[in-house]
Amino acid sequence: MREILFRGKRVENGEWVYGYYAKYRNIFSEDYTAILQFDKEDGGVVYSDGVTAVIPETVGQYTGLTDKNGKKIFEGDIVFYDVFGCMRKRVVKFSTECGSCGCCGDPFEGAGFMALGVDLNVSEVIGNIYDNPELWEGEQ
């Protein structure tokens, strides 16, 4: 069973928050996307900070995988990785539209990490498309 975890950037200051993904409706305002944060001590919910409004475009799910440094890999991360001895850089994303990496040209779509022989022991998260867009510009 893999850990279900999301992250998103706070609306008010752009800091990352981690926890459950939620859509909220406030009777005094419009609907908003939020992260219900975890308590770092016991894994419970932090009710004092509780529901944190996040920028919807920055919300990404944890893949259940970690890089060579033990860093969790999320959607939107830019990963430098090894596929059968060839180093590549890609943005992590989930996709159900493509059945194989050959038709998409992106190993994170369709077949995924394991089916392509990606060695996570040498893979590394080098940033993400929200904080480090310059790492990905021109790579698409």
N, C-alpha and C. Protein backbone atom coordinates (compact mmCIF):
# COMPACT_ATOMS: atom_id res chain seq x y z
N MET A 1 0.85 -1.18 0.00
CA MET A 1 0.00 0.00 0.00
C MET A 1 0.89 1.24 0.00
N ARG A 2 0.69 2.14 -0.96
CA ARG A 2 1.54 3.31 -1.03
C ARG A 2 0.92 4.49 -0.28
N GLU A 3 1.80 5.38 0.12
CA GLU A 3 1.39 6.57 0.85
C GLU A 3 0.67 7.54 -0.10
N ILE A 4 -0.50 8.01 0.30
CA ILE A 4 -1.23 9.01 -0.48
C ILE A 4 -0.91 10.37 0.13
N LEU A 5 -0.28 11.22 -0.67
CA LEU A 5 0.18 12.51 -0.19
C LEU A 5 0.17 13.50 -1.35
N PHE A 6 -0.21 14.72 -1.06
CA PHE A 6 -0.21 15.79 -2.06
C PHE A 6 0.58 16.97 -1.52
N ARG A 7 0.99 17.83 -2.44
CA ARG A 7 1.62 19.09 -2.05
C ARG A 7 1.04 20.19 -2.92
N GLY A 8 1.15 21.41 -2.42
CA GLY A 8 0.71 22.58 -3.17
C GLY A 8 1.33 23.82 -2.56
N LYS A 9 1.41 24.90 -3.35
CA LYS A 9 1.99 26.15 -2.86
C LYS A 9 0.88 27.02 -2.26
N ARG A 10 1.12 27.51 -1.06
CA ARG A 10 0.16 28.36 -0.36
C ARG A 10 -0.17 29.60 -1.17
N VAL A 11 -1.42 29.99 -1.16
CA VAL A 11 -1.87 31.19 -1.88
C VAL A 11 -1.20 32.44 -1.33
N GLU A 12 -1.13 32.57 -0.01
CA GLU A 12 -0.67 33.83 0.57
C GLU A 12 0.83 34.06 0.53
N ASN A 13 1.66 32.97 0.51
CA ASN A 13 3.10 33.21 0.54
C ASN A 13 3.93 32.29 -0.37
N GLY A 14 3.29 31.38 -1.08
CA GLY A 14 4.02 30.53 -2.01
C GLY A 14 4.82 29.40 -1.38
N GLU A 15 4.72 29.20 -0.07
CA GLU A 15 5.44 28.11 0.58
C GLU A 15 4.72 26.79 0.31
N TRP A 16 5.49 25.70 0.25
CA TRP A 16 4.92 24.37 0.03
C TRP A 16 4.25 23.85 1.29
N VAL A 17 3.08 23.22 1.13
CA VAL A 17 2.42 22.51 2.22
C VAL A 17 2.11 21.10 1.72
N TYR A 18 2.08 20.15 2.64
CA TYR A 18 1.89 18.74 2.31
C TYR A 18 0.74 18.17 3.11
N GLY A 19 -0.04 17.29 2.50
CA GLY A 19 -1.15 16.66 3.20
C GLY A 19 -2.17 16.09 2.25
N TYR A 20 -3.43 16.13 2.66
CA TYR A 20 -4.53 15.64 1.84
C TYR A 20 -5.00 16.72 0.88
N TYR A 21 -5.40 16.33 -0.32
CA TYR A 21 -5.96 17.26 -1.31
C TYR A 21 -7.44 17.43 -1.01
N ALA A 22 -7.94 18.66 -1.14
CA ALA A 22 -9.35 18.91 -0.88
C ALA A 22 -9.85 20.08 -1.72
N LYS A 23 -11.12 20.05 -2.07
CA LYS A 23 -11.80 21.19 -2.69
C LYS A 23 -12.80 21.69 -1.64
N TYR A 24 -12.77 22.97 -1.35
CA TYR A 24 -13.63 23.51 -0.31
C TYR A 24 -14.55 24.57 -0.87
N ARG A 25 -15.69 24.70 -0.23
CA ARG A 25 -16.64 25.75 -0.55
C ARG A 25 -16.92 26.50 0.75
N ASN A 26 -16.67 27.77 0.71
CA ASN A 26 -16.91 28.62 1.85
C ASN A 26 -18.17 29.42 1.55
N ILE A 27 -19.09 29.49 2.48
CA ILE A 27 -20.35 30.20 2.21
C ILE A 27 -20.15 31.70 1.99
N PHE A 28 -18.98 32.22 2.40
CA PHE A 28 -18.71 33.64 2.25
C PHE A 28 -17.81 33.96 1.06
N SER A 29 -17.32 32.92 0.38
CA SER A 29 -16.43 33.16 -0.76
C SER A 29 -16.59 32.07 -1.81
N GLU A 30 -15.75 32.13 -2.84
CA GLU A 30 -15.80 31.15 -3.90
C GLU A 30 -15.17 29.83 -3.45
N ASP A 31 -15.38 28.79 -4.26
CA ASP A 31 -14.72 27.51 -4.02
C ASP A 31 -13.21 27.71 -4.10
N TYR A 32 -12.46 26.87 -3.37
CA TYR A 32 -11.01 26.95 -3.45
C TYR A 32 -10.39 25.58 -3.25
N THR A 33 -9.17 25.44 -3.78
CA THR A 33 -8.40 24.21 -3.64
C THR A 33 -7.57 24.33 -2.38
N ALA A 34 -7.47 23.23 -1.64
CA ALA A 34 -6.76 23.30 -0.37
C ALA A 34 -6.00 22.01 -0.08
N ILE A 35 -5.06 22.12 0.84
CA ILE A 35 -4.36 20.97 1.39
C ILE A 35 -4.69 20.93 2.88
N LEU A 36 -5.15 19.78 3.35
CA LEU A 36 -5.41 19.56 4.76
C LEU A 36 -4.12 18.99 5.32
N GLN A 37 -3.40 19.79 6.09
CA GLN A 37 -2.04 19.47 6.50
C GLN A 37 -1.96 18.38 7.56
N PHE A 38 -0.83 17.66 7.51
CA PHE A 38 -0.51 16.63 8.51
C PHE A 38 0.26 17.25 9.65
N ASP A 39 0.07 16.69 10.84
CA ASP A 39 0.91 17.03 11.99
C ASP A 39 2.20 16.25 11.83
N LYS A 40 3.34 16.91 11.85
CA LYS A 40 4.63 16.23 11.67
C LYS A 40 4.95 15.28 12.83
N GLU A 41 4.38 15.51 13.99
CA GLU A 41 4.67 14.70 15.16
C GLU A 41 4.02 13.32 15.11
N ASP A 42 2.72 13.28 14.89
CA ASP A 42 2.02 12.00 15.01
C ASP A 42 1.25 11.58 13.76
N GLY A 43 1.38 12.32 12.66
CA GLY A 43 0.68 11.95 11.44
C GLY A 43 -0.78 12.36 11.43
N GLY A 44 -1.25 12.98 12.49
CA GLY A 44 -2.64 13.44 12.55
C GLY A 44 -2.80 14.73 11.78
N VAL A 45 -3.96 15.31 11.86
CA VAL A 45 -4.26 16.55 11.14
C VAL A 45 -3.97 17.74 12.04
N VAL A 46 -3.37 18.77 11.49
CA VAL A 46 -3.12 20.00 12.23
C VAL A 46 -4.37 20.87 12.13
N TYR A 47 -5.13 20.95 13.19
CA TYR A 47 -6.37 21.73 13.15
C TYR A 47 -6.12 23.21 13.38
N SER A 48 -5.00 23.58 14.01
CA SER A 48 -4.73 24.99 14.25
C SER A 48 -4.50 25.72 12.93
N ASP A 49 -3.75 25.10 12.00
CA ASP A 49 -3.55 25.68 10.68
C ASP A 49 -4.58 25.10 9.74
N GLY A 50 -4.85 23.81 9.93
CA GLY A 50 -5.93 23.12 9.26
C GLY A 50 -5.91 23.18 7.75
N VAL A 51 -6.94 23.76 7.19
CA VAL A 51 -7.13 23.81 5.76
C VAL A 51 -6.36 25.00 5.22
N THR A 52 -5.46 24.73 4.28
CA THR A 52 -4.63 25.78 3.70
C THR A 52 -4.96 25.93 2.23
N ALA A 53 -5.39 27.12 1.83
CA ALA A 53 -5.69 27.39 0.42
C ALA A 53 -4.39 27.37 -0.36
N VAL A 54 -4.41 26.64 -1.50
CA VAL A 54 -3.22 26.52 -2.34
C VAL A 54 -3.54 26.92 -3.77
N ILE A 55 -2.50 27.23 -4.53
CA ILE A 55 -2.64 27.58 -5.94
C ILE A 55 -2.94 26.27 -6.69
N PRO A 56 -4.12 26.13 -7.30
CA PRO A 56 -4.53 24.86 -7.90
C PRO A 56 -3.53 24.27 -8.88
N GLU A 57 -2.88 25.10 -9.69
CA GLU A 57 -1.96 24.61 -10.70
C GLU A 57 -0.72 23.95 -10.11
N THR A 58 -0.43 24.21 -8.83
CA THR A 58 0.78 23.67 -8.20
C THR A 58 0.54 22.36 -7.47
N VAL A 59 -0.71 21.92 -7.37
CA VAL A 59 -1.01 20.69 -6.64
C VAL A 59 -0.48 19.49 -7.40
N GLY A 60 0.28 18.64 -6.69
CA GLY A 60 0.82 17.43 -7.30
C GLY A 60 0.80 16.29 -6.31
N GLN A 61 0.62 15.09 -6.83
CA GLN A 61 0.55 13.90 -5.98
C GLN A 61 1.92 13.23 -5.87
N TYR A 62 2.19 12.66 -4.72
CA TYR A 62 3.39 11.88 -4.47
C TYR A 62 3.30 10.60 -5.28
N THR A 63 4.38 10.23 -5.98
CA THR A 63 4.38 9.04 -6.84
C THR A 63 4.54 7.74 -6.07
N GLY A 64 4.95 7.83 -4.81
CA GLY A 64 5.25 6.62 -4.04
C GLY A 64 6.71 6.22 -4.18
N LEU A 65 7.49 7.01 -4.94
CA LEU A 65 8.89 6.70 -5.19
C LEU A 65 9.78 7.80 -4.61
N THR A 66 11.04 7.44 -4.34
CA THR A 66 12.03 8.40 -3.87
C THR A 66 13.25 8.34 -4.77
N ASP A 67 14.01 9.43 -4.78
CA ASP A 67 15.23 9.47 -5.59
C ASP A 67 16.40 8.89 -4.79
N LYS A 68 17.62 8.99 -5.33
CA LYS A 68 18.81 8.41 -4.70
C LYS A 68 19.10 9.00 -3.33
N ASN A 69 18.58 10.20 -3.05
CA ASN A 69 18.80 10.87 -1.77
C ASN A 69 17.65 10.65 -0.79
N GLY A 70 16.68 9.82 -1.18
CA GLY A 70 15.52 9.57 -0.32
C GLY A 70 14.46 10.64 -0.42
N LYS A 71 14.60 11.59 -1.37
CA LYS A 71 13.62 12.66 -1.54
C LYS A 71 12.39 12.12 -2.27
N LYS A 72 11.21 12.43 -1.76
CA LYS A 72 9.97 11.99 -2.38
C LYS A 72 9.80 12.66 -3.74
N ILE A 73 9.33 11.87 -4.71
CA ILE A 73 9.12 12.37 -6.07
C ILE A 73 7.63 12.67 -6.27
N PHE A 74 7.33 13.95 -6.59
CA PHE A 74 5.97 14.42 -6.80
C PHE A 74 5.75 14.80 -8.26
N GLU A 75 4.48 14.85 -8.67
CA GLU A 75 4.13 15.43 -9.96
C GLU A 75 4.70 16.84 -10.01
N GLY A 76 5.23 17.21 -11.15
CA GLY A 76 5.79 18.55 -11.31
C GLY A 76 7.27 18.62 -11.00
N ASP A 77 7.83 17.57 -10.38
CA ASP A 77 9.27 17.54 -10.11
C ASP A 77 10.03 17.34 -11.42
N ILE A 78 11.22 17.89 -11.48
CA ILE A 78 12.13 17.66 -12.60
C ILE A 78 13.15 16.66 -12.10
N VAL A 79 13.23 15.53 -12.78
CA VAL A 79 14.10 14.44 -12.34
C VAL A 79 15.17 14.17 -13.39
N PHE A 80 16.41 14.06 -12.93
CA PHE A 80 17.53 13.64 -13.77
C PHE A 80 17.70 12.16 -13.47
N TYR A 81 17.58 11.30 -14.47
CA TYR A 81 17.53 9.87 -14.22
C TYR A 81 18.27 9.07 -15.28
N ASP A 82 18.51 7.81 -14.98
CA ASP A 82 19.23 6.90 -15.85
C ASP A 82 18.27 5.86 -16.42
N VAL A 83 18.25 5.73 -17.74
CA VAL A 83 17.47 4.68 -18.40
C VAL A 83 18.46 3.86 -19.21
N PHE A 84 18.74 2.67 -18.76
CA PHE A 84 19.66 1.77 -19.44
C PHE A 84 20.98 2.46 -19.79
N GLY A 85 21.54 3.22 -18.83
CA GLY A 85 22.83 3.86 -19.02
C GLY A 85 22.81 5.21 -19.71
N CYS A 86 21.65 5.72 -20.06
CA CYS A 86 21.53 7.02 -20.72
C CYS A 86 20.85 8.00 -19.75
N MET A 87 21.54 9.10 -19.42
CA MET A 87 20.98 10.07 -18.48
C MET A 87 20.02 11.01 -19.20
N ARG A 88 18.84 11.21 -18.59
CA ARG A 88 17.79 12.07 -19.17
C ARG A 88 17.19 12.95 -18.08
N LYS A 89 16.48 13.98 -18.52
CA LYS A 89 15.80 14.90 -17.61
C LYS A 89 14.36 15.00 -18.06
N ARG A 90 13.42 14.81 -17.15
CA ARG A 90 12.00 14.87 -17.47
C ARG A 90 11.21 15.47 -16.30
N VAL A 91 10.02 15.96 -16.64
CA VAL A 91 9.06 16.41 -15.63
C VAL A 91 8.17 15.23 -15.30
N VAL A 92 7.96 14.98 -14.03
CA VAL A 92 7.11 13.89 -13.58
C VAL A 92 5.66 14.28 -13.75
N LYS A 93 4.88 13.39 -14.39
CA LYS A 93 3.45 13.61 -14.54
C LYS A 93 2.74 12.28 -14.67
N PHE A 94 1.52 12.24 -14.23
CA PHE A 94 0.69 11.05 -14.37
C PHE A 94 -0.11 11.18 -15.66
N SER A 95 -0.25 10.07 -16.39
CA SER A 95 -1.05 10.09 -17.60
C SER A 95 -1.65 8.72 -17.82
N THR A 96 -2.91 8.70 -18.22
CA THR A 96 -3.57 7.44 -18.57
C THR A 96 -3.87 7.39 -20.06
N GLU A 97 -3.46 8.42 -20.79
CA GLU A 97 -3.78 8.52 -22.21
C GLU A 97 -2.85 7.73 -23.12
N CYS A 98 -1.67 7.41 -22.67
CA CYS A 98 -0.67 6.80 -23.54
C CYS A 98 -0.33 5.40 -23.03
N GLY A 99 -0.36 4.44 -23.91
CA GLY A 99 -0.09 3.06 -23.52
C GLY A 99 1.37 2.68 -23.49
N SER A 100 2.25 3.44 -24.14
CA SER A 100 3.67 3.12 -24.10
C SER A 100 4.49 4.39 -24.25
N CYS A 101 5.73 4.33 -23.81
CA CYS A 101 6.57 5.53 -23.88
C CYS A 101 6.94 5.84 -25.32
N GLY A 102 6.93 4.88 -26.22
CA GLY A 102 7.31 5.11 -27.60
C GLY A 102 6.40 6.11 -28.30
N CYS A 103 5.09 6.06 -28.01
CA CYS A 103 4.17 6.97 -28.71
C CYS A 103 4.18 8.35 -28.09
N CYS A 104 4.62 8.47 -26.85
CA CYS A 104 4.62 9.77 -26.18
C CYS A 104 5.99 10.43 -26.16
N GLY A 105 7.03 9.61 -26.18
CA GLY A 105 8.37 10.16 -26.06
C GLY A 105 8.69 10.61 -24.65
N ASP A 106 7.85 10.30 -23.70
CA ASP A 106 8.08 10.70 -22.32
C ASP A 106 7.92 9.49 -21.42
N PRO A 107 9.00 9.00 -20.81
CA PRO A 107 8.92 7.79 -20.03
C PRO A 107 8.04 7.86 -18.79
N PHE A 108 7.63 9.06 -18.37
CA PHE A 108 6.74 9.15 -17.22
C PHE A 108 5.29 8.96 -17.61
N GLU A 109 5.01 8.93 -18.90
CA GLU A 109 3.66 8.66 -19.36
C GLU A 109 3.56 7.20 -19.74
N GLY A 110 2.43 6.61 -19.59
CA GLY A 110 2.22 5.24 -20.03
C GLY A 110 2.97 4.23 -19.18
N ALA A 111 4.10 3.77 -19.66
CA ALA A 111 4.81 2.66 -19.03
C ALA A 111 5.33 2.98 -17.63
N GLY A 112 5.73 4.19 -17.37
CA GLY A 112 6.21 4.57 -16.04
C GLY A 112 7.66 4.19 -15.79
N PHE A 113 8.12 4.43 -14.57
CA PHE A 113 9.51 4.22 -14.20
C PHE A 113 9.99 2.79 -14.36
N MET A 114 9.31 1.87 -13.69
CA MET A 114 9.81 0.51 -13.60
C MET A 114 9.83 -0.23 -14.93
N ALA A 115 8.80 -0.06 -15.74
CA ALA A 115 8.72 -0.77 -17.01
C ALA A 115 9.81 -0.31 -17.98
N LEU A 116 10.39 0.85 -17.74
CA LEU A 116 11.40 1.38 -18.65
C LEU A 116 12.82 1.14 -18.17
N GLY A 117 12.99 0.48 -17.05
CA GLY A 117 14.33 0.22 -16.55
C GLY A 117 14.98 1.42 -15.90
N VAL A 118 14.20 2.34 -15.38
CA VAL A 118 14.76 3.51 -14.71
C VAL A 118 15.39 3.06 -13.40
N ASP A 119 16.65 3.44 -13.20
CA ASP A 119 17.36 3.09 -11.98
C ASP A 119 17.20 4.24 -10.99
N LEU A 120 16.31 4.07 -10.01
CA LEU A 120 16.05 5.13 -9.03
C LEU A 120 17.23 5.35 -8.09
N ASN A 121 18.16 4.40 -8.05
CA ASN A 121 19.35 4.55 -7.20
C ASN A 121 20.29 5.63 -7.71
N VAL A 122 20.16 6.02 -8.98
CA VAL A 122 20.99 7.10 -9.52
C VAL A 122 20.14 8.27 -9.98
N SER A 123 18.83 8.20 -9.80
CA SER A 123 17.92 9.27 -10.18
C SER A 123 17.92 10.35 -9.11
N GLU A 124 17.71 11.60 -9.53
CA GLU A 124 17.73 12.70 -8.57
C GLU A 124 16.73 13.78 -8.94
N VAL A 125 15.95 14.22 -7.94
CA VAL A 125 15.07 15.38 -8.12
C VAL A 125 15.97 16.61 -8.11
N ILE A 126 15.95 17.37 -9.22
CA ILE A 126 16.82 18.55 -9.31
C ILE A 126 16.04 19.85 -9.17
N GLY A 127 14.74 19.76 -9.02
CA GLY A 127 13.90 20.94 -8.85
C GLY A 127 12.48 20.61 -9.25
N ASN A 128 11.69 21.64 -9.50
CA ASN A 128 10.32 21.45 -9.98
C ASN A 128 9.95 22.59 -10.91
N ILE A 129 8.90 22.38 -11.68
CA ILE A 129 8.53 23.36 -12.71
C ILE A 129 7.95 24.65 -12.14
N TYR A 130 7.65 24.70 -10.85
CA TYR A 130 7.08 25.89 -10.23
C TYR A 130 8.16 26.78 -9.62
N ASP A 131 9.14 26.18 -8.95
CA ASP A 131 10.22 26.93 -8.32
C ASP A 131 11.41 27.12 -9.25
N ASN A 132 11.59 26.21 -10.20
CA ASN A 132 12.77 26.21 -11.07
C ASN A 132 12.42 26.04 -12.54
N PRO A 133 11.55 26.89 -13.10
CA PRO A 133 11.13 26.70 -14.49
C PRO A 133 12.31 26.77 -15.46
N GLU A 134 13.38 27.46 -15.08
CA GLU A 134 14.53 27.58 -15.96
C GLU A 134 15.21 26.24 -16.21
N LEU A 135 15.03 25.27 -15.31
CA LEU A 135 15.61 23.94 -15.49
C LEU A 135 14.91 23.15 -16.60
N TRP A 136 13.69 23.56 -16.92
CA TRP A 136 12.91 22.81 -17.91
C TRP A 136 12.67 23.58 -19.19
N GLU A 137 12.78 24.90 -19.18
CA GLU A 137 12.52 25.72 -20.37
C GLU A 137 13.37 25.24 -21.53
N GLY A 138 12.73 25.07 -22.67
CA GLY A 138 13.43 24.64 -23.86
C GLY A 138 13.61 23.14 -23.96
N GLU A 139 13.18 22.37 -22.96
CA GLU A 139 13.37 20.92 -22.95
C GLU A 139 12.19 20.18 -23.56
N GLN A 140 11.00 20.82 -23.68
CA GLN A 140 9.81 20.11 -24.11
C GLN A 140 9.96 19.56 -25.49
